[in-house]
Each structure stands twice: as structure tokens, then as C-alpha cells.
Amino acid sequence: MVDVLVSDYYAQGIHSIIWDASTYSFGIFYYNMETDQFLLIKNACSCDKQHVAIIY
């Protein structure tokens, strides 16, 4: 299953996204961030129905 959280261009800076994962089961989730110059792929662990911990 794939969710697209953002599909837009943003100016350089700090941005945040809130993702409601309450309809998903616990587990490991993968996410990516892409710019014109690089692609970052990471994973996150769902701690409970309201929190997802980003793993660096």
C-alpha cells in the first residue's frame, strides 16, 4: 500500500507533515524524500496508533 503525503515543490527550509497512520497496523514503514539533486529513502517504526518514530 502506498500513501502520497506530499506531491508538491517547497522552498528551501524546514517543513513538517502530519500523517494519520491510525488505519494501518504496527510495523516498519518506508518513506522517501526527493529533490532535483538527490533521493533519500529511510524507514520509520510505528510505536502505537498515534506515533511513528523516524529511524536515522
PDB file of N, CA and C in Angstrom:
ATOM      1  N   MET A   1       0.842  -1.165   0.000  1.00  0.00           N
ATOM      2  CA  MET A   1       0.000   0.000   0.000  1.00  0.00           C
ATOM      3  C   MET A   1       0.895   1.238   0.000  1.00  0.00           C
ATOM      4  N   VAL A   2       0.503   2.249  -0.723  1.00  0.00           N
ATOM      5  CA  VAL A   2       1.289   3.474  -0.834  1.00  0.00           C
ATOM      6  C   VAL A   2       0.405   4.669  -0.507  1.00  0.00           C
ATOM      7  N   ASP A   3       0.900   5.542   0.335  1.00  0.00           N
ATOM      8  CA  ASP A   3       0.269   6.835   0.612  1.00  0.00           C
ATOM      9  C   ASP A   3       1.194   7.923   0.104  1.00  0.00           C
ATOM     10  N   VAL A   4       0.666   8.871  -0.614  1.00  0.00           N
ATOM     11  CA  VAL A   4       1.440  10.039  -1.029  1.00  0.00           C
ATOM     12  C   VAL A   4       1.085  11.159  -0.067  1.00  0.00           C
ATOM     13  N   LEU A   5       2.062  11.552   0.744  1.00  0.00           N
ATOM     14  CA  LEU A   5       1.809  12.588   1.749  1.00  0.00           C
ATOM     15  C   LEU A   5       1.921  13.975   1.148  1.00  0.00           C
ATOM     16  N   VAL A   6       2.883  14.164   0.271  1.00  0.00           N
ATOM     17  CA  VAL A   6       3.099  15.460  -0.375  1.00  0.00           C
ATOM     18  C   VAL A   6       3.575  15.201  -1.791  1.00  0.00           C
ATOM     19  N   SER A   7       3.012  15.905  -2.723  1.00  0.00           N
ATOM     20  CA  SER A   7       3.472  15.829  -4.104  1.00  0.00           C
ATOM     21  C   SER A   7       3.483  17.251  -4.639  1.00  0.00           C
ATOM     22  N   ASP A   8       4.425  18.021  -4.150  1.00  0.00           N
ATOM     23  CA  ASP A   8       4.490  19.438  -4.476  1.00  0.00           C
ATOM     24  C   ASP A   8       5.921  19.919  -4.282  1.00  0.00           C
ATOM     25  N   TYR A   9       6.204  21.092  -4.760  1.00  0.00           N
ATOM     26  CA  TYR A   9       7.514  21.708  -4.570  1.00  0.00           C
ATOM     27  C   TYR A   9       7.454  22.681  -3.398  1.00  0.00           C
ATOM     28  N   TYR A  10       8.506  22.681  -2.584  1.00  0.00           N
ATOM     29  CA  TYR A  10       8.611  23.580  -1.448  1.00  0.00           C
ATOM     30  C   TYR A  10       9.909  24.362  -1.554  1.00  0.00           C
ATOM     31  N   ALA A  11       9.895  25.574  -1.061  1.00  0.00           N
ATOM     32  CA  ALA A  11      11.120  26.366  -0.994  1.00  0.00           C
ATOM     33  C   ALA A  11      12.042  25.752   0.055  1.00  0.00           C
ATOM     34  N   GLN A  12      13.309  26.052  -0.047  1.00  0.00           N
ATOM     35  CA  GLN A  12      14.281  25.562   0.914  1.00  0.00           C
ATOM     36  C   GLN A  12      13.865  25.988   2.311  1.00  0.00           C
ATOM     37  N   GLY A  13      14.033  25.093   3.284  1.00  0.00           N
ATOM     38  CA  GLY A  13      13.684  25.417   4.658  1.00  0.00           C
ATOM     39  C   GLY A  13      13.213  24.191   5.418  1.00  0.00           C
ATOM     40  N   ILE A  14      12.627  24.406   6.558  1.00  0.00           N
ATOM     41  CA  ILE A  14      12.135  23.333   7.419  1.00  0.00           C
ATOM     42  C   ILE A  14      10.626  23.219   7.224  1.00  0.00           C
ATOM     43  N   HIS A  15      10.176  22.008   6.977  1.00  0.00           N
ATOM     44  CA  HIS A  15       8.753  21.752   6.755  1.00  0.00           C
ATOM     45  C   HIS A  15       8.347  20.524   7.556  1.00  0.00           C
ATOM     46  N   SER A  16       7.093  20.419   7.908  1.00  0.00           N
ATOM     47  CA  SER A  16       6.610  19.235   8.616  1.00  0.00           C
ATOM     48  C   SER A  16       5.312  18.757   7.980  1.00  0.00           C
ATOM     49  N   ILE A  17       5.106  17.467   8.081  1.00  0.00           N
ATOM     50  CA  ILE A  17       3.923  16.816   7.540  1.00  0.00           C
ATOM     51  C   ILE A  17       3.327  15.959   8.653  1.00  0.00           C
ATOM     52  N   ILE A  18       2.032  15.984   8.810  1.00  0.00           N
ATOM     53  CA  ILE A  18       1.352  15.113   9.774  1.00  0.00           C
ATOM     54  C   ILE A  18       0.645  14.014   8.994  1.00  0.00           C
ATOM     55  N   TRP A  19       0.969  12.771   9.324  1.00  0.00           N
ATOM     56  CA  TRP A  19       0.375  11.620   8.657  1.00  0.00           C
ATOM     57  C   TRP A  19      -0.444  10.831   9.661  1.00  0.00           C
ATOM     58  N   ASP A  20      -1.726  10.675   9.409  1.00  0.00           N
ATOM     59  CA  ASP A  20      -2.602   9.893  10.269  1.00  0.00           C
ATOM     60  C   ASP A  20      -2.476   8.424   9.876  1.00  0.00           C
ATOM     61  N   ALA A  21      -1.724   7.675  10.651  1.00  0.00           N
ATOM     62  CA  ALA A  21      -1.493   6.262  10.366  1.00  0.00           C
ATOM     63  C   ALA A  21      -2.394   5.358  11.190  1.00  0.00           C
ATOM     64  N   SER A  22      -3.472   5.903  11.720  1.00  0.00           N
ATOM     65  CA  SER A  22      -4.335   5.139  12.623  1.00  0.00           C
ATOM     66  C   SER A  22      -5.037   3.967  11.944  1.00  0.00           C
ATOM     67  N   THR A  23      -5.142   3.977  10.631  1.00  0.00           N
ATOM     68  CA  THR A  23      -5.805   2.875   9.934  1.00  0.00           C
ATOM     69  C   THR A  23      -4.818   1.779   9.518  1.00  0.00           C
ATOM     70  N   TYR A  24      -3.540   1.947   9.834  1.00  0.00           N
ATOM     71  CA  TYR A  24      -2.521   0.970   9.480  1.00  0.00           C
ATOM     72  C   TYR A  24      -2.103   0.168  10.705  1.00  0.00           C
ATOM     73  N   SER A  25      -1.650  -1.052  10.470  1.00  0.00           N
ATOM     74  CA  SER A  25      -1.156  -1.869  11.574  1.00  0.00           C
ATOM     75  C   SER A  25       0.254  -1.414  11.962  1.00  0.00           C
ATOM     76  N   PHE A  26       0.711  -1.902  13.103  1.00  0.00           N
ATOM     77  CA  PHE A  26       2.053  -1.575  13.570  1.00  0.00           C
ATOM     78  C   PHE A  26       3.081  -2.204  12.644  1.00  0.00           C
ATOM     79  N   GLY A  27       4.250  -1.606  12.553  1.00  0.00           N
ATOM     80  CA  GLY A  27       5.296  -2.195  11.743  1.00  0.00           C
ATOM     81  C   GLY A  27       6.307  -1.177  11.272  1.00  0.00           C
ATOM     82  N   ILE A  28       7.056  -1.552  10.262  1.00  0.00           N
ATOM     83  CA  ILE A  28       8.077  -0.696   9.669  1.00  0.00           C
ATOM     84  C   ILE A  28       7.507  -0.077   8.402  1.00  0.00           C
ATOM     85  N   PHE A  29       7.676   1.218   8.268  1.00  0.00           N
ATOM     86  CA  PHE A  29       7.217   1.943   7.095  1.00  0.00           C
ATOM     87  C   PHE A  29       8.421   2.585   6.419  1.00  0.00           C
ATOM     88  N   TYR A  30       8.395   2.648   5.120  1.00  0.00           N
ATOM     89  CA  TYR A  30       9.466   3.273   4.352  1.00  0.00           C
ATOM     90  C   TYR A  30       8.958   4.581   3.766  1.00  0.00           C
ATOM     91  N   TYR A  31       9.826   5.577   3.731  1.00  0.00           N
ATOM     92  CA  TYR A  31       9.462   6.854   3.137  1.00  0.00           C
ATOM     93  C   TYR A  31      10.641   7.365   2.327  1.00  0.00           C
ATOM     94  N   ASN A  32      10.346   8.230   1.371  1.00  0.00           N
ATOM     95  CA  ASN A  32      11.433   8.848   0.628  1.00  0.00           C
ATOM     96  C   ASN A  32      11.183  10.330   0.472  1.00  0.00           C
ATOM     97  N   MET A  33      12.271  11.048   0.357  1.00  0.00           N
ATOM     98  CA  MET A  33      12.247  12.482   0.079  1.00  0.00           C
ATOM     99  C   MET A  33      13.136  12.709  -1.129  1.00  0.00           C
ATOM    100  N   GLU A  34      12.618  13.434  -2.087  1.00  0.00           N
ATOM    101  CA  GLU A  34      13.330  13.594  -3.348  1.00  0.00           C
ATOM    102  C   GLU A  34      13.435  15.070  -3.711  1.00  0.00           C
ATOM    103  N   THR A  35      14.619  15.455  -4.157  1.00  0.00           N
ATOM    104  CA  THR A  35      14.841  16.796  -4.698  1.00  0.00           C
ATOM    105  C   THR A  35      15.383  16.638  -6.109  1.00  0.00           C
ATOM    106  N   ASP A  36      15.690  17.747  -6.730  1.00  0.00           N
ATOM    107  CA  ASP A  36      16.292  17.674  -8.058  1.00  0.00           C
ATOM    108  C   ASP A  36      17.689  17.068  -8.008  1.00  0.00           C
ATOM    109  N   GLN A  37      18.312  17.056  -6.817  1.00  0.00           N
ATOM    110  CA  GLN A  37      19.710  16.642  -6.703  1.00  0.00           C
ATOM    111  C   GLN A  37      19.932  15.320  -5.968  1.00  0.00           C
ATOM    112  N   PHE A  38      18.959  14.841  -5.210  1.00  0.00           N
ATOM    113  CA  PHE A  38      19.162  13.567  -4.507  1.00  0.00           C
ATOM    114  C   PHE A  38      17.835  12.910  -4.146  1.00  0.00           C
ATOM    115  N   LEU A  39      17.932  11.632  -3.795  1.00  0.00           N
ATOM    116  CA  LEU A  39      16.800  10.846  -3.327  1.00  0.00           C
ATOM    117  C   LEU A  39      17.199  10.211  -2.000  1.00  0.00           C
ATOM    118  N   LEU A  40      16.406  10.426  -0.970  1.00  0.00           N
ATOM    119  CA  LEU A  40      16.651   9.874   0.362  1.00  0.00           C
ATOM    120  C   LEU A  40      15.553   8.863   0.660  1.00  0.00           C
ATOM    121  N   ILE A  41      15.945   7.645   1.002  1.00  0.00           N
ATOM    122  CA  ILE A  41      14.981   6.607   1.383  1.00  0.00           C
ATOM    123  C   ILE A  41      15.329   6.156   2.790  1.00  0.00           C
ATOM    124  N   LYS A  42      14.361   6.206   3.699  1.00  0.00           N
ATOM    125  CA  LYS A  42      14.564   5.828   5.102  1.00  0.00           C
ATOM    126  C   LYS A  42      13.394   4.975   5.557  1.00  0.00           C
ATOM    127  N   ASN A  43      13.468   4.494   6.795  1.00  0.00           N
ATOM    128  CA  ASN A  43      12.345   3.764   7.349  1.00  0.00           C
ATOM    129  C   ASN A  43      11.931   4.361   8.686  1.00  0.00           C
ATOM    130  N   ALA A  44      10.728   4.030   9.084  1.00  0.00           N
ATOM    131  CA  ALA A  44      10.169   4.516  10.348  1.00  0.00           C
ATOM    132  C   ALA A  44       9.445   3.349  10.999  1.00  0.00           C
ATOM    133  N   CYS A  45       9.366   3.388  12.307  1.00  0.00           N
ATOM    134  CA  CYS A  45       8.720   2.324  13.073  1.00  0.00           C
ATOM    135  C   CYS A  45       7.480   2.891  13.755  1.00  0.00           C
ATOM    136  N   SER A  46       6.348   2.219  13.583  1.00  0.00           N
ATOM    137  CA  SER A  46       5.143   2.682  14.272  1.00  0.00           C
ATOM    138  C   SER A  46       5.194   2.188  15.717  1.00  0.00           C
ATOM    139  N   CYS A  47       5.127   3.128  16.634  1.00  0.00           N
ATOM    140  CA  CYS A  47       5.201   2.801  18.066  1.00  0.00           C
ATOM    141  C   CYS A  47       3.817   2.459  18.615  1.00  0.00           C
ATOM    142  N   ASP A  48       2.827   3.188  18.178  1.00  0.00           N
ATOM    143  CA  ASP A  48       1.443   2.933  18.537  1.00  0.00           C
ATOM    144  C   ASP A  48       0.577   3.576  17.457  1.00  0.00           C
ATOM    145  N   LYS A  49      -0.703   3.630  17.676  1.00  0.00           N
ATOM    146  CA  LYS A  49      -1.602   4.135  16.632  1.00  0.00           C
ATOM    147  C   LYS A  49      -1.471   5.633  16.400  1.00  0.00           C
ATOM    148  N   GLN A  50      -0.747   6.351  17.255  1.00  0.00           N
ATOM    149  CA  GLN A  50      -0.651   7.804  17.092  1.00  0.00           C
ATOM    150  C   GLN A  50       0.768   8.306  16.861  1.00  0.00           C
ATOM    151  N   HIS A  51       1.779   7.454  16.992  1.00  0.00           N
ATOM    152  CA  HIS A  51       3.155   7.916  16.907  1.00  0.00           C
ATOM    153  C   HIS A  51       3.973   7.043  15.959  1.00  0.00           C
ATOM    154  N   VAL A  52       4.776   7.680  15.167  1.00  0.00           N
ATOM    155  CA  VAL A  52       5.718   6.989  14.289  1.00  0.00           C
ATOM    156  C   VAL A  52       7.102   7.555  14.571  1.00  0.00           C
ATOM    157  N   ALA A  53       8.055   6.682  14.876  1.00  0.00           N
ATOM    158  CA  ALA A  53       9.417   7.116  15.178  1.00  0.00           C
ATOM    159  C   ALA A  53      10.252   7.040  13.902  1.00  0.00           C
ATOM    160  N   ILE A  54      10.921   8.129  13.581  1.00  0.00           N
ATOM    161  CA  ILE A  54      11.800   8.160  12.422  1.00  0.00           C
ATOM    162  C   ILE A  54      13.120   7.520  12.806  1.00  0.00           C
ATOM    163  N   ILE A  55      13.591   6.590  12.006  1.00  0.00           N
ATOM    164  CA  ILE A  55      14.849   5.885  12.256  1.00  0.00           C
ATOM    165  C   ILE A  55      15.896   6.444  11.300  1.00  0.00           C
ATOM    166  N   TYR A  56      16.983   6.992  11.853  1.00  0.00           N
ATOM    167  CA  TYR A  56      18.057   7.539  11.022  1.00  0.00           C
ATOM    168  C   TYR A  56      19.209   6.588  10.960  1.00  0.00           C
TER     169      TYR A  56
END
